[in-house]
């Protein structure tokens, strides 16, 4: 995924499924200058981490 798409998903009104290594995650924030996103697992909001946006995959 690229930074622009991660920002679009973050701003979207509807739920767009995103996965990190096959695990569904929510995007909490995107830092476009560093191309990283703060995400957390859908099942575990306390499991927040910073990952590069390239690691994220949109599920269609």
C-alpha atoms as a PDB file:
ATOM      1  CA  UNK A   1       0.000   0.000   0.000  1.00  0.00           C
ATOM      2  CA  UNK A   2       1.167   3.578  -0.487  1.00  0.00           C
ATOM      3  CA  UNK A   3       0.906   6.549   1.887  1.00  0.00           C
ATOM      4  CA  UNK A   4      -1.867   8.234  -0.094  1.00  0.00           C
ATOM      5  CA  UNK A   5      -4.093   5.128  -0.003  1.00  0.00           C
ATOM      6  CA  UNK A   6      -3.454   4.650   3.730  1.00  0.00           C
ATOM      7  CA  UNK A   7      -4.586   8.252   4.303  1.00  0.00           C
ATOM      8  CA  UNK A   8      -7.720   7.669   2.189  1.00  0.00           C
ATOM      9  CA  UNK A   9      -8.599   4.566   4.205  1.00  0.00           C
ATOM     10  CA  UNK A  10      -8.052   6.436   7.470  1.00  0.00           C
ATOM     11  CA  UNK A  11     -10.417   9.220   6.335  1.00  0.00           C
ATOM     12  CA  UNK A  12     -13.070   6.916   4.844  1.00  0.00           C
ATOM     13  CA  UNK A  13     -16.543   6.772   6.390  1.00  0.00           C
ATOM     14  CA  UNK A  14     -16.975   3.102   5.526  1.00  0.00           C
ATOM     15  CA  UNK A  15     -14.916   0.237   6.896  1.00  0.00           C
ATOM     16  CA  UNK A  16     -12.155  -0.835   4.522  1.00  0.00           C
ATOM     17  CA  UNK A  17     -10.451  -4.076   5.480  1.00  0.00           C
ATOM     18  CA  UNK A  18      -6.689  -3.791   5.884  1.00  0.00           C
ATOM     19  CA  UNK A  19      -4.347  -6.577   6.914  1.00  0.00           C
ATOM     20  CA  UNK A  20      -0.833  -6.739   8.313  1.00  0.00           C
ATOM     21  CA  UNK A  21       0.716 -10.158   7.721  1.00  0.00           C
ATOM     22  CA  UNK A  22      -2.758 -11.651   7.285  1.00  0.00           C
ATOM     23  CA  UNK A  23      -4.157 -10.105  10.496  1.00  0.00           C
ATOM     24  CA  UNK A  24      -6.987  -7.523  10.208  1.00  0.00           C
ATOM     25  CA  UNK A  25      -5.885  -4.127  11.573  1.00  0.00           C
ATOM     26  CA  UNK A  26      -7.251  -0.603  11.989  1.00  0.00           C
ATOM     27  CA  UNK A  27      -5.157   2.356  10.847  1.00  0.00           C
ATOM     28  CA  UNK A  28      -4.952   4.882  13.696  1.00  0.00           C
ATOM     29  CA  UNK A  29      -2.685   7.451  12.031  1.00  0.00           C
ATOM     30  CA  UNK A  30      -0.386   7.942   9.050  1.00  0.00           C
ATOM     31  CA  UNK A  31       2.918   9.841   9.020  1.00  0.00           C
ATOM     32  CA  UNK A  32       3.419  10.692   5.361  1.00  0.00           C
ATOM     33  CA  UNK A  33       6.903  12.141   5.902  1.00  0.00           C
ATOM     34  CA  UNK A  34       8.173   8.792   7.239  1.00  0.00           C
ATOM     35  CA  UNK A  35       5.760   6.535   5.257  1.00  0.00           C
ATOM     36  CA  UNK A  36       4.662   4.793   8.448  1.00  0.00           C
ATOM     37  CA  UNK A  37       1.273   4.088   9.992  1.00  0.00           C
ATOM     38  CA  UNK A  38       0.211   3.420  13.558  1.00  0.00           C
ATOM     39  CA  UNK A  39      -2.086   0.396  13.513  1.00  0.00           C
ATOM     40  CA  UNK A  40      -3.741  -1.937  15.991  1.00  0.00           C
ATOM     41  CA  UNK A  41      -5.181  -5.418  15.622  1.00  0.00           C
ATOM     42  CA  UNK A  42      -8.991  -5.398  15.326  1.00  0.00           C
ATOM     43  CA  UNK A  43      -9.281  -7.959  18.113  1.00  0.00           C
ATOM     44  CA  UNK A  44      -6.720  -6.265  20.365  1.00  0.00           C
ATOM     45  CA  UNK A  45      -6.779  -2.438  20.406  1.00  0.00           C
ATOM     46  CA  UNK A  46      -3.948  -2.423  22.966  1.00  0.00           C
ATOM     47  CA  UNK A  47      -1.665  -4.055  20.383  1.00  0.00           C
ATOM     48  CA  UNK A  48      -0.668  -0.807  18.641  1.00  0.00           C
ATOM     49  CA  UNK A  49       2.510  -0.557  16.606  1.00  0.00           C
ATOM     50  CA  UNK A  50       4.227   1.497  13.939  1.00  0.00           C
ATOM     51  CA  UNK A  51       4.696  -0.197  10.580  1.00  0.00           C
ATOM     52  CA  UNK A  52       5.694   0.975   7.127  1.00  0.00           C
ATOM     53  CA  UNK A  53       2.668   1.538   4.923  1.00  0.00           C
ATOM     54  CA  UNK A  54       4.171  -0.895   2.383  1.00  0.00           C
ATOM     55  CA  UNK A  55       3.530  -3.710   4.901  1.00  0.00           C
ATOM     56  CA  UNK A  56      -0.220  -3.032   4.855  1.00  0.00           C
ATOM     57  CA  UNK A  57      -2.516  -4.781   2.402  1.00  0.00           C
ATOM     58  CA  UNK A  58      -6.012  -3.701   1.445  1.00  0.00           C
ATOM     59  CA  UNK A  59      -8.411  -6.651   1.246  1.00  0.00           C
ATOM     60  CA  UNK A  60     -11.053  -6.512  -1.497  1.00  0.00           C
END
